[in-house]
């Protein structure tokens, strides 16, 4: 179980870091090296900023949901075993 949780933690850490830092690489990639008549850089930067905001909002909602779930699970009364006969 410990190995599974470690792998799961690594997966979510990698996904989070990719979601946060890959958009800056994409905006760098779409920046044309020379001055051309058409540039999509402004539209790409706007879309990436909106994406990063939604990642943060989704992460915050997931955090609140996880806290609520932990509180609900933590409030359960432990099951007491029946005494032996």
N, C-alpha and C. Protein backbone atom coordinates (compact mmCIF):
# COMPACT_ATOMS: atom_id res chain seq x y z
N UNK A 1 0.83 -1.19 0.00
CA UNK A 1 0.00 0.00 0.00
C UNK A 1 0.88 1.25 0.00
N UNK A 2 1.99 1.19 0.73
CA UNK A 2 2.88 2.34 0.80
C UNK A 2 3.49 2.65 -0.57
N UNK A 3 3.83 1.61 -1.31
CA UNK A 3 4.38 1.81 -2.65
C UNK A 3 3.33 2.43 -3.57
N UNK A 4 2.11 1.95 -3.49
CA UNK A 4 1.02 2.50 -4.31
C UNK A 4 0.80 3.98 -4.01
N UNK A 5 0.78 4.35 -2.73
CA UNK A 5 0.58 5.75 -2.37
C UNK A 5 1.75 6.62 -2.82
N UNK A 6 2.95 6.08 -2.78
CA UNK A 6 4.11 6.83 -3.26
C UNK A 6 4.02 7.06 -4.76
N UNK A 7 3.63 6.02 -5.49
CA UNK A 7 3.47 6.16 -6.94
C UNK A 7 2.35 7.15 -7.26
N UNK A 8 1.25 7.07 -6.54
CA UNK A 8 0.13 7.99 -6.76
C UNK A 8 0.53 9.43 -6.46
N UNK A 9 1.27 9.63 -5.37
CA UNK A 9 1.76 10.97 -5.03
C UNK A 9 2.66 11.50 -6.13
N UNK A 10 3.56 10.66 -6.64
CA UNK A 10 4.45 11.09 -7.72
C UNK A 10 3.69 11.45 -8.98
N UNK A 11 2.66 10.68 -9.28
CA UNK A 11 1.84 10.96 -10.45
C UNK A 11 1.17 12.33 -10.33
N UNK A 12 0.53 12.58 -9.18
CA UNK A 12 -0.16 13.86 -9.00
C UNK A 12 0.81 15.03 -8.92
N UNK A 13 1.98 14.82 -8.35
CA UNK A 13 2.99 15.88 -8.32
C UNK A 13 3.45 16.21 -9.73
N UNK A 14 3.71 15.18 -10.54
CA UNK A 14 4.12 15.41 -11.91
C UNK A 14 3.04 16.08 -12.74
N UNK A 15 1.80 15.64 -12.55
CA UNK A 15 0.69 16.25 -13.30
C UNK A 15 0.50 17.71 -12.90
N UNK A 16 0.64 18.01 -11.62
CA UNK A 16 0.49 19.39 -11.15
C UNK A 16 1.59 20.28 -11.69
N UNK A 17 2.82 19.81 -11.61
CA UNK A 17 3.94 20.61 -12.12
C UNK A 17 3.84 20.81 -13.62
N UNK A 18 3.41 19.78 -14.34
CA UNK A 18 3.23 19.92 -15.78
C UNK A 18 2.13 20.92 -16.11
N UNK A 19 1.02 20.86 -15.37
CA UNK A 19 -0.10 21.78 -15.62
C UNK A 19 0.30 23.23 -15.32
N UNK A 20 1.19 23.43 -14.36
CA UNK A 20 1.56 24.78 -13.99
C UNK A 20 2.67 25.36 -14.87
N UNK A 21 3.64 24.53 -15.26
CA UNK A 21 4.81 25.08 -15.94
C UNK A 21 4.86 24.84 -17.44
N UNK A 22 4.11 23.89 -17.96
CA UNK A 22 4.17 23.65 -19.40
C UNK A 22 3.56 24.79 -20.23
N UNK A 23 2.54 25.52 -19.73
CA UNK A 23 2.02 26.61 -20.55
C UNK A 23 3.05 27.69 -20.88
N UNK A 24 4.00 27.95 -19.98
CA UNK A 24 5.02 28.95 -20.30
C UNK A 24 5.91 28.47 -21.45
N UNK A 25 6.13 27.16 -21.52
CA UNK A 25 6.91 26.61 -22.63
C UNK A 25 6.13 26.75 -23.93
N UNK A 26 4.82 26.53 -23.87
CA UNK A 26 3.99 26.66 -25.06
C UNK A 26 3.97 28.10 -25.55
N UNK A 27 3.85 29.07 -24.62
CA UNK A 27 3.83 30.47 -25.05
C UNK A 27 5.19 30.87 -25.63
N UNK A 28 6.28 30.33 -25.10
CA UNK A 28 7.60 30.59 -25.66
C UNK A 28 7.69 30.00 -27.07
N UNK A 29 7.13 28.82 -27.26
CA UNK A 29 7.19 28.16 -28.56
C UNK A 29 6.42 28.93 -29.63
N UNK A 30 5.31 29.55 -29.26
CA UNK A 30 4.49 30.27 -30.23
C UNK A 30 4.96 31.70 -30.46
N UNK A 31 6.01 32.12 -29.80
CA UNK A 31 6.56 33.46 -30.03
C UNK A 31 7.43 33.40 -31.28
N UNK A 32 7.00 34.04 -32.37
CA UNK A 32 7.79 33.95 -33.60
C UNK A 32 9.14 34.65 -33.44
N UNK A 33 10.20 34.05 -33.98
CA UNK A 33 11.53 34.64 -33.83
C UNK A 33 11.74 35.89 -34.68
N UNK A 34 10.93 36.06 -35.68
CA UNK A 34 11.06 37.23 -36.54
C UNK A 34 9.72 37.97 -36.57
N UNK A 35 9.76 39.17 -37.06
CA UNK A 35 8.55 39.97 -37.18
C UNK A 35 7.79 39.55 -38.43
N UNK A 36 6.62 38.92 -38.21
CA UNK A 36 5.79 38.52 -39.34
C UNK A 36 4.46 39.23 -39.23
N UNK A 37 3.69 39.19 -40.27
CA UNK A 37 2.42 39.92 -40.30
C UNK A 37 1.39 39.40 -39.30
N UNK A 38 1.40 38.11 -39.04
CA UNK A 38 0.40 37.52 -38.15
C UNK A 38 1.11 36.87 -36.97
N UNK A 39 0.68 37.22 -35.76
CA UNK A 39 1.25 36.61 -34.56
C UNK A 39 0.11 36.19 -33.64
N UNK A 40 0.16 34.98 -33.20
CA UNK A 40 -0.87 34.45 -32.30
C UNK A 40 -0.45 34.53 -30.83
N UNK A 41 0.66 35.20 -30.56
CA UNK A 41 1.20 35.19 -29.22
C UNK A 41 0.21 35.73 -28.19
N UNK A 42 -0.47 36.83 -28.47
CA UNK A 42 -1.40 37.41 -27.49
C UNK A 42 -2.54 36.44 -27.18
N UNK A 43 -3.08 35.80 -28.21
CA UNK A 43 -4.17 34.85 -27.99
C UNK A 43 -3.69 33.63 -27.22
N UNK A 44 -2.49 33.17 -27.51
CA UNK A 44 -1.94 32.01 -26.82
C UNK A 44 -1.69 32.35 -25.35
N UNK A 45 -1.11 33.52 -25.09
CA UNK A 45 -0.83 33.93 -23.70
C UNK A 45 -2.14 34.07 -22.93
N UNK A 46 -3.16 34.65 -23.55
CA UNK A 46 -4.46 34.80 -22.87
C UNK A 46 -5.04 33.42 -22.53
N UNK A 47 -5.02 32.52 -23.50
CA UNK A 47 -5.55 31.17 -23.26
C UNK A 47 -4.78 30.43 -22.18
N UNK A 48 -3.48 30.59 -22.16
CA UNK A 48 -2.66 29.92 -21.16
C UNK A 48 -2.92 30.51 -19.78
N UNK A 49 -3.06 31.82 -19.69
CA UNK A 49 -3.38 32.43 -18.39
C UNK A 49 -4.73 31.95 -17.87
N UNK A 50 -5.72 31.85 -18.76
CA UNK A 50 -7.03 31.34 -18.35
C UNK A 50 -6.92 29.88 -17.90
N UNK A 51 -6.12 29.09 -18.59
CA UNK A 51 -5.92 27.70 -18.23
C UNK A 51 -5.27 27.59 -16.84
N UNK A 52 -4.24 28.39 -16.58
CA UNK A 52 -3.57 28.33 -15.29
C UNK A 52 -4.51 28.76 -14.16
N UNK A 53 -5.36 29.75 -14.41
CA UNK A 53 -6.34 30.16 -13.39
C UNK A 53 -7.31 29.01 -13.08
N UNK A 54 -7.76 28.32 -14.13
CA UNK A 54 -8.70 27.21 -13.92
C UNK A 54 -8.02 26.04 -13.21
N UNK A 55 -6.74 25.82 -13.45
CA UNK A 55 -6.01 24.77 -12.74
C UNK A 55 -5.97 25.11 -11.25
N UNK A 56 -5.71 26.37 -10.93
CA UNK A 56 -5.68 26.78 -9.52
C UNK A 56 -7.06 26.68 -8.87
N UNK A 57 -8.09 27.11 -9.58
CA UNK A 57 -9.45 27.02 -9.04
C UNK A 57 -9.83 25.56 -8.83
N UNK A 58 -9.54 24.71 -9.79
CA UNK A 58 -9.83 23.28 -9.65
C UNK A 58 -9.05 22.65 -8.52
N UNK A 59 -7.80 23.04 -8.36
CA UNK A 59 -7.00 22.53 -7.25
C UNK A 59 -7.56 22.96 -5.91
N UNK A 60 -8.00 24.21 -5.83
CA UNK A 60 -8.58 24.71 -4.58
C UNK A 60 -9.89 24.00 -4.25
N UNK A 61 -10.72 23.77 -5.27
CA UNK A 61 -11.98 23.04 -5.05
C UNK A 61 -11.68 21.60 -4.62
N UNK A 62 -10.69 20.97 -5.25
CA UNK A 62 -10.29 19.63 -4.85
C UNK A 62 -9.75 19.59 -3.43
N UNK A 63 -9.01 20.63 -3.06
CA UNK A 63 -8.49 20.72 -1.69
C UNK A 63 -9.63 20.81 -0.69
N UNK A 64 -10.60 21.67 -0.97
CA UNK A 64 -11.76 21.80 -0.07
C UNK A 64 -12.55 20.50 0.00
N UNK A 65 -12.73 19.84 -1.14
CA UNK A 65 -13.44 18.56 -1.15
C UNK A 65 -12.69 17.50 -0.36
N UNK A 66 -11.37 17.47 -0.48
CA UNK A 66 -10.57 16.52 0.29
C UNK A 66 -10.64 16.78 1.78
N UNK A 67 -10.63 18.05 2.17
CA UNK A 67 -10.75 18.39 3.58
C UNK A 67 -12.12 17.97 4.11
N UNK A 68 -13.17 18.26 3.33
CA UNK A 68 -14.52 17.88 3.75
C UNK A 68 -14.64 16.36 3.89
N UNK A 69 -14.08 15.63 2.95
CA UNK A 69 -14.12 14.17 3.01
C UNK A 69 -13.34 13.65 4.22
N UNK A 70 -12.20 14.26 4.49
CA UNK A 70 -11.40 13.83 5.64
C UNK A 70 -12.14 14.10 6.95
N UNK A 71 -12.84 15.22 7.01
CA UNK A 71 -13.61 15.54 8.23
C UNK A 71 -14.75 14.55 8.39
N UNK A 72 -15.45 14.23 7.30
CA UNK A 72 -16.55 13.29 7.38
C UNK A 72 -16.08 11.89 7.78
N UNK A 73 -14.98 11.46 7.21
CA UNK A 73 -14.46 10.14 7.55
C UNK A 73 -13.92 10.14 8.97
N UNK A 74 -13.30 11.23 9.39
CA UNK A 74 -12.73 11.31 10.72
C UNK A 74 -13.77 11.34 11.82
N UNK A 75 -14.98 11.76 11.52
CA UNK A 75 -16.03 11.85 12.53
C UNK A 75 -16.75 10.54 12.77
N UNK A 76 -16.50 9.55 11.95
CA UNK A 76 -17.16 8.26 12.15
C UNK A 76 -16.74 7.66 13.48
N UNK A 77 -17.68 7.04 14.13
CA UNK A 77 -17.37 6.36 15.38
C UNK A 77 -16.70 5.03 15.04
N UNK A 78 -15.64 4.70 15.74
CA UNK A 78 -15.00 3.41 15.45
C UNK A 78 -15.92 2.25 15.84
N UNK A 79 -15.84 1.23 15.05
CA UNK A 79 -16.66 0.04 15.31
C UNK A 79 -16.00 -0.74 16.45
N UNK A 80 -16.79 -0.99 17.51
CA UNK A 80 -16.25 -1.76 18.63
C UNK A 80 -16.57 -3.23 18.40
N UNK A 81 -15.57 -4.07 18.56
CA UNK A 81 -15.82 -5.50 18.35
C UNK A 81 -16.68 -6.07 19.48
N UNK A 82 -17.44 -7.09 19.13
CA UNK A 82 -18.27 -7.75 20.13
C UNK A 82 -17.38 -8.52 21.11
N UNK A 83 -17.76 -8.56 22.37
CA UNK A 83 -16.95 -9.32 23.33
C UNK A 83 -17.04 -10.82 23.03
N UNK A 84 -15.99 -11.55 23.33
CA UNK A 84 -16.02 -13.00 23.06
C UNK A 84 -17.02 -13.69 24.00
N UNK A 85 -17.61 -14.76 23.52
CA UNK A 85 -18.63 -15.48 24.32
C UNK A 85 -18.02 -16.59 25.10
